[in-house]
């Protein structure tokens, strides 16, 4: 993948052979978080945090499936256009959620609109299906 290899050259990604057990572990963690995000009675903040965590795990799993790793959270969302062919208007929702998560984490400010939460939940569900469809990793 030329675009991802370019990110390796500029030290934004690391090339690292994929690992099936790691990939499955990320999928399992994402599935649990996504399922919990839909539990009745949770606050919007809790739903957002769980759905965002699931989305990040899935984006990282897709990156790892292709043999790359990043220690920068935002990069894994931007790479979705290459790892699962996610359109820009969709991966940018994840990027927006990343920015909102940072505001909450580092500045104690979290405002989640109902529409953004709905989009995050829907897109994460779709991403879950796309990442599962990648199948077994190819070492």
Protein backbone atom coordinates (compact mmCIF):
# COMPACT_ATOMS: atom_id res chain seq x y z
CA UNK A 1 0.00 0.00 0.00
CA UNK A 2 1.87 3.01 -1.29
CA UNK A 3 0.10 5.58 0.90
CA UNK A 4 0.80 3.60 4.07
CA UNK A 5 4.39 2.93 3.01
CA UNK A 6 4.81 6.69 2.56
CA UNK A 7 3.62 7.18 6.15
CA UNK A 8 6.27 4.68 7.27
CA UNK A 9 8.94 6.70 5.44
CA UNK A 10 7.97 9.87 7.32
CA UNK A 11 7.77 8.05 10.68
CA UNK A 12 3.99 8.31 11.07
CA UNK A 13 3.53 4.52 10.89
CA UNK A 14 5.68 1.50 11.60
CA UNK A 15 5.72 -1.57 9.42
CA UNK A 16 5.20 -4.68 11.54
CA UNK A 17 4.01 -8.13 10.49
CA UNK A 18 0.36 -8.75 11.34
CA UNK A 19 -0.54 -11.18 14.10
CA UNK A 20 -3.77 -13.18 14.00
CA UNK A 21 -4.13 -13.41 17.78
CA UNK A 22 -3.65 -9.65 18.16
CA UNK A 23 -6.16 -8.97 15.37
CA UNK A 24 -8.74 -11.28 16.96
CA UNK A 25 -8.16 -9.70 20.38
CA UNK A 26 -8.80 -6.24 18.96
CA UNK A 27 -11.98 -7.44 17.26
CA UNK A 28 -13.18 -9.07 20.46
CA UNK A 29 -12.52 -5.93 22.54
CA UNK A 30 -14.24 -3.75 19.94
CA UNK A 31 -17.26 -6.06 19.82
CA UNK A 32 -17.68 -5.93 23.59
CA UNK A 33 -17.38 -2.13 23.70
CA UNK A 34 -19.79 -1.69 20.81
CA UNK A 35 -22.32 -4.02 22.41
CA UNK A 36 -22.02 -2.19 25.73
CA UNK A 37 -22.43 1.19 24.00
CA UNK A 38 -25.99 0.14 23.13
CA UNK A 39 -26.99 -0.77 26.70
CA UNK A 40 -30.13 0.98 27.90
CA UNK A 41 -29.70 3.58 30.60
CA UNK A 42 -26.14 4.65 29.77
CA UNK A 43 -25.35 8.34 29.64
CA UNK A 44 -24.41 9.87 26.30
CA UNK A 45 -20.89 10.34 27.64
CA UNK A 46 -20.58 6.63 28.44
CA UNK A 47 -22.05 5.60 25.10
CA UNK A 48 -19.67 7.94 23.32
CA UNK A 49 -16.63 6.69 25.23
CA UNK A 50 -17.48 3.05 24.55
CA UNK A 51 -18.30 3.59 20.87
CA UNK A 52 -15.17 5.68 20.36
CA UNK A 53 -13.06 2.97 22.03
CA UNK A 54 -14.62 0.35 19.75
CA UNK A 55 -13.99 2.49 16.66
CA UNK A 56 -10.35 3.01 17.63
CA UNK A 57 -9.82 -0.72 18.25
CA UNK A 58 -11.37 -1.52 14.87
CA UNK A 59 -9.33 1.09 13.02
CA UNK A 60 -6.16 -0.20 14.66
CA UNK A 61 -7.13 -3.81 13.86
CA UNK A 62 -7.54 -2.86 10.19
CA UNK A 63 -4.15 -1.17 10.21
CA UNK A 64 -2.53 -4.16 11.92
CA UNK A 65 -4.20 -6.54 9.42
CA UNK A 66 -2.27 -4.73 6.68
CA UNK A 67 1.01 -4.96 8.60
CA UNK A 68 1.29 -1.47 10.08
CA UNK A 69 1.12 0.08 13.52
CA UNK A 70 0.89 3.63 14.85
CA UNK A 71 1.27 5.07 18.31
CA UNK A 72 -0.74 8.12 17.23
CA UNK A 73 -4.46 7.59 17.76
CA UNK A 74 -5.61 10.01 15.07
CA UNK A 75 -3.56 8.34 12.34
CA UNK A 76 -5.47 5.05 12.60
CA UNK A 77 -8.70 6.86 11.72
CA UNK A 78 -7.13 8.70 8.80
CA UNK A 79 -5.73 5.42 7.48
CA UNK A 80 -9.23 3.92 7.21
CA UNK A 81 -9.43 5.36 3.70
CA UNK A 82 -6.65 2.93 2.76
CA UNK A 83 -7.25 -0.05 5.05
CA UNK A 84 -11.00 -0.53 4.43
CA UNK A 85 -11.63 2.07 1.69
CA UNK A 86 -13.75 4.21 4.02
CA UNK A 87 -14.93 7.41 2.32
CA UNK A 88 -13.51 10.67 3.66
CA UNK A 89 -16.89 11.88 4.93
CA UNK A 90 -17.06 8.81 7.16
CA UNK A 91 -13.50 8.64 8.53
CA UNK A 92 -13.74 12.37 9.26
CA UNK A 93 -16.61 11.63 11.68
CA UNK A 94 -14.21 9.36 13.58
CA UNK A 95 -11.60 12.12 13.46
CA UNK A 96 -14.12 14.60 14.87
CA UNK A 97 -14.93 12.15 17.65
CA UNK A 98 -11.22 11.81 18.36
CA UNK A 99 -10.99 15.58 18.79
CA UNK A 100 -14.03 15.56 21.10
CA UNK A 101 -12.50 12.73 23.10
CA UNK A 102 -9.28 14.75 23.50
CA UNK A 103 -11.23 17.77 24.75
CA UNK A 104 -12.87 15.56 27.35
CA UNK A 105 -9.67 13.76 28.31
CA UNK A 106 -7.34 16.73 28.51
CA UNK A 107 -9.61 19.70 29.18
CA UNK A 108 -12.58 18.12 30.95
CA UNK A 109 -15.01 19.36 28.32
CA UNK A 110 -17.32 16.87 26.60
CA UNK A 111 -20.34 17.95 24.62
CA UNK A 112 -21.83 15.26 22.44
CA UNK A 113 -24.75 16.10 20.19
CA UNK A 114 -27.34 13.39 19.67
CA UNK A 115 -26.63 13.36 15.92
CA UNK A 116 -22.90 12.87 16.40
CA UNK A 117 -23.50 9.99 18.82
CA UNK A 118 -25.93 8.36 16.36
CA UNK A 119 -23.38 8.74 13.55
CA UNK A 120 -20.59 7.33 15.69
CA UNK A 121 -22.67 4.30 16.71
CA UNK A 122 -23.82 3.63 13.13
CA UNK A 123 -20.40 4.09 11.55
CA UNK A 124 -18.71 1.97 14.19
CA UNK A 125 -21.22 -0.82 13.56
CA UNK A 126 -20.46 -0.58 9.82
CA UNK A 127 -16.72 -0.50 10.47
CA UNK A 128 -17.04 -3.60 12.65
CA UNK A 129 -18.53 -5.50 9.71
CA UNK A 130 -15.87 -4.21 7.32
CA UNK A 131 -12.97 -5.17 9.57
CA UNK A 132 -14.42 -8.62 10.27
CA UNK A 133 -14.77 -9.10 6.51
CA UNK A 134 -11.00 -8.68 6.09
CA UNK A 135 -10.73 -12.30 7.25
CA UNK A 136 -7.61 -13.99 8.60
CA UNK A 137 -4.36 -12.02 8.48
CA UNK A 138 -1.74 -12.94 5.91
CA UNK A 139 1.70 -13.08 7.54
